[in-house]
Amino acid sequence: MGVIDGRTWLEHLSPDTCWELLAATPVGRIGVINDSAPEIYPVNHVVDRQTLVFRTDPGTKLRGLLRSPSVCYQIDGIDPRNATGWSVLVKGRAVQIQEPGEVRAASELPLEYWSLGDKAHWIRIVPAQVTGRRIWSRTPPGDDESRRDEPSADESGRDGPSDDA
């Protein structure tokens, strides 16, 4: 388990946990700059040697990636019923895979598509930073049932709920 902030109950996930979640979650959202405005697109990805690989067709997403390769990529899991969830954010650089040997190697990765059609362009996100956090609703796992309420002002150092979700 990562470090849990006693004030907000946000757990800061370890890099290993972030990569495990990235490998287990087949769809994420990529944020790109397109014509000086941010845009977000869902894509299927696969983890390859601590990078992310996906395919795309020509269009606004690819144009944005090629013009401004600094990107962020986010995956998450949310349980609204229990008010819990987690999120992983990858900040890095998108690189088009073009060298024939790299394209062959990428084509052998277990990348599964949810949308129809063959995507002509392979993209690799080379991370500069990978961070993650998990929010616990009332009590982090392992705490006893008697502590099911949020921390008091004495425990948290604050009077009200956190706005860090």
Protein backbone atom coordinates (compact mmCIF):
# COMPACT_ATOMS: atom_id res chain seq x y z
CA MET A 1 0.00 0.00 0.00
CA GLY A 2 1.23 3.53 -0.75
CA VAL A 3 1.37 6.47 1.61
CA ILE A 4 -2.05 7.66 2.82
CA ASP A 5 -2.50 11.31 3.70
CA GLY A 6 -4.34 11.36 7.05
CA ARG A 7 -5.91 14.70 6.21
CA THR A 8 -7.47 13.79 2.83
CA TRP A 9 -7.33 9.97 2.85
CA LEU A 10 -5.70 10.06 -0.56
CA GLU A 11 -3.27 7.22 -1.05
CA HIS A 12 -0.31 8.10 -3.24
CA LEU A 13 0.30 5.01 -5.37
CA SER A 14 3.76 3.60 -5.93
CA PRO A 15 5.18 3.58 -9.48
CA ASP A 16 4.91 -0.23 -9.54
CA THR A 17 1.20 -0.05 -8.63
CA CYS A 18 0.66 2.60 -11.32
CA TRP A 19 2.23 0.34 -13.97
CA GLU A 20 0.16 -2.63 -12.77
CA LEU A 21 -3.01 -0.57 -13.16
CA LEU A 22 -1.91 0.69 -16.58
CA ALA A 23 -1.27 -2.89 -17.72
CA ALA A 24 -4.65 -4.09 -16.41
CA THR A 25 -6.74 -1.23 -17.83
CA PRO A 26 -7.13 -1.40 -21.63
CA VAL A 27 -8.65 2.05 -22.21
CA GLY A 28 -7.48 5.50 -21.18
CA ARG A 29 -7.74 9.10 -22.27
CA ILE A 30 -4.98 11.04 -23.98
CA GLY A 31 -4.80 14.80 -23.64
CA VAL A 32 -3.27 16.64 -26.58
CA ILE A 33 -2.96 20.25 -27.68
CA ASN A 34 -4.70 20.89 -30.99
CA ASP A 35 -4.71 24.39 -32.48
CA SER A 36 -3.68 25.80 -29.05
CA ALA A 37 -6.62 24.16 -27.25
CA PRO A 38 -6.57 20.97 -25.16
CA GLU A 39 -8.55 17.98 -26.41
CA ILE A 40 -9.05 14.57 -24.84
CA TYR A 41 -9.55 11.31 -26.72
CA PRO A 42 -10.23 7.77 -25.49
CA VAL A 43 -7.78 5.18 -26.82
CA ASN A 44 -6.94 1.52 -26.29
CA HIS A 45 -3.38 1.05 -25.11
CA VAL A 46 -0.89 -1.62 -24.15
CA VAL A 47 2.11 -1.35 -21.83
CA ASP A 48 5.45 -2.07 -23.50
CA ARG A 49 8.66 -1.77 -21.41
CA GLN A 50 7.26 1.03 -19.22
CA THR A 51 5.90 2.97 -22.18
CA LEU A 52 2.35 3.07 -23.55
CA VAL A 53 1.58 2.10 -27.15
CA PHE A 54 -1.60 2.75 -29.13
CA ARG A 55 -2.73 3.10 -32.72
CA THR A 56 -4.64 5.89 -34.40
CA ASP A 57 -5.90 6.99 -37.80
CA PRO A 58 -5.09 10.32 -39.44
CA GLY A 59 -7.16 13.14 -37.99
CA THR A 60 -7.16 15.79 -35.29
CA LYS A 61 -5.68 13.51 -32.61
CA LEU A 62 -2.70 12.50 -34.75
CA ARG A 63 -2.20 16.06 -36.02
CA GLY A 64 -2.14 17.31 -32.42
CA LEU A 65 0.30 14.60 -31.34
CA LEU A 66 2.69 15.33 -34.18
CA ARG A 67 2.56 19.13 -33.78
CA SER A 68 2.77 19.17 -29.98
CA PRO A 69 4.05 15.83 -28.67
CA SER A 70 3.86 16.71 -24.96
CA VAL A 71 0.89 14.72 -23.69
CA CYS A 72 -0.81 13.44 -20.60
CA TYR A 73 -2.56 10.09 -20.39
CA GLN A 74 -5.03 9.12 -17.70
CA ILE A 75 -6.77 5.94 -16.58
CA ASP A 76 -9.07 5.49 -13.62
CA GLY A 77 -11.46 3.25 -11.78
CA ILE A 78 -14.42 4.67 -9.87
CA ASP A 79 -16.92 3.13 -7.44
CA PRO A 80 -19.64 5.81 -7.01
CA ARG A 81 -21.63 3.67 -4.57
CA ASN A 82 -18.76 3.57 -2.09
CA ALA A 83 -17.28 6.97 -3.05
CA THR A 84 -13.91 5.40 -3.80
CA GLY A 85 -11.67 5.34 -6.81
CA TRP A 86 -8.19 5.58 -8.20
CA SER A 87 -6.44 7.46 -10.98
CA VAL A 88 -3.10 7.15 -12.77
CA LEU A 89 -1.62 10.04 -14.74
CA VAL A 90 1.25 9.70 -17.21
CA LYS A 91 2.96 12.86 -18.43
CA GLY A 92 5.36 12.45 -21.31
CA ARG A 93 6.08 12.69 -24.99
CA ALA A 94 4.25 11.00 -27.85
CA VAL A 95 6.51 9.54 -30.53
CA GLN A 96 5.30 8.05 -33.79
CA ILE A 97 6.72 4.55 -34.32
CA GLN A 98 7.99 4.45 -37.90
CA GLU A 99 11.13 2.33 -38.06
CA PRO A 100 10.12 -0.99 -39.71
CA GLY A 101 11.58 -3.21 -36.95
CA GLU A 102 9.81 -1.20 -34.25
CA VAL A 103 6.54 -1.30 -36.20
CA ARG A 104 6.87 -5.10 -36.48
CA ALA A 105 7.56 -5.41 -32.75
CA ALA A 106 4.62 -3.12 -31.92
CA SER A 107 2.30 -5.12 -34.16
CA GLU A 108 3.07 -8.22 -32.06
CA LEU A 109 1.96 -6.54 -28.82
CA PRO A 110 -1.39 -7.71 -27.38
CA LEU A 111 -3.18 -4.45 -28.21
CA GLU A 112 -6.95 -4.93 -28.47
CA TYR A 113 -9.16 -2.39 -30.24
CA TRP A 114 -12.66 -1.46 -29.26
CA SER A 115 -13.32 0.57 -32.41
CA LEU A 116 -13.54 -0.90 -35.89
CA GLY A 117 -10.97 -0.46 -38.61
CA ASP A 118 -7.24 -0.84 -38.90
CA LYS A 119 -5.38 2.11 -37.38
CA ALA A 120 -2.49 3.14 -39.64
CA HIS A 121 -0.24 4.97 -37.14
CA TRP A 122 1.54 3.55 -34.10
CA ILE A 123 2.22 5.95 -31.22
CA ARG A 124 4.41 5.40 -28.17
CA ILE A 125 4.11 7.55 -25.05
CA VAL A 126 7.49 7.84 -23.36
CA PRO A 127 6.77 8.87 -19.76
CA ALA A 128 8.57 11.65 -17.95
CA GLN A 129 6.36 11.22 -14.87
CA VAL A 130 3.92 8.53 -13.70
CA THR A 131 1.78 9.26 -10.64
CA GLY A 132 -1.30 7.76 -9.12
CA ARG A 133 -3.63 8.13 -6.21
CA ARG A 134 -6.51 6.30 -4.65
CA ILE A 135 -9.25 7.86 -2.55
CA TRP A 136 -10.72 5.93 0.33
CA SER A 137 -14.31 6.75 1.25
CA ARG A 138 -14.25 6.57 5.01
CA THR A 139 -11.46 4.35 6.23
CA PRO A 140 -8.40 2.96 4.48
CA PRO A 141 -8.29 -0.85 4.37
CA GLY A 142 -6.94 -2.46 7.50
CA ASP A 143 -8.44 0.11 9.89
CA ASP A 144 -10.99 -1.32 12.30
CA GLU A 145 -14.71 -0.87 11.81
CA SER A 146 -15.05 1.44 14.82
CA ARG A 147 -13.36 4.25 12.87
CA ARG A 148 -15.88 4.51 10.00
CA ASP A 149 -16.38 8.28 10.24
CA GLU A 150 -14.17 10.92 8.66
CA PRO A 151 -11.29 12.21 10.78
CA SER A 152 -12.18 14.90 13.30
CA ALA A 153 -10.64 18.36 13.13
CA ASP A 154 -8.18 17.17 15.81
CA GLU A 155 -7.03 14.20 13.67
CA SER A 156 -6.98 15.95 10.32
CA GLY A 157 -5.93 19.44 11.32
CA ARG A 158 -8.88 20.81 9.34
CA ASP A 159 -12.47 21.70 10.12
CA GLY A 160 -14.18 20.60 6.90
CA PRO A 161 -14.02 18.00 4.16
CA SER A 162 -11.16 17.99 1.69
CA ASP A 163 -11.54 19.38 -1.81
CA ASP A 164 -8.69 17.25 -3.15
CA ALA A 165 -10.77 14.50 -4.78
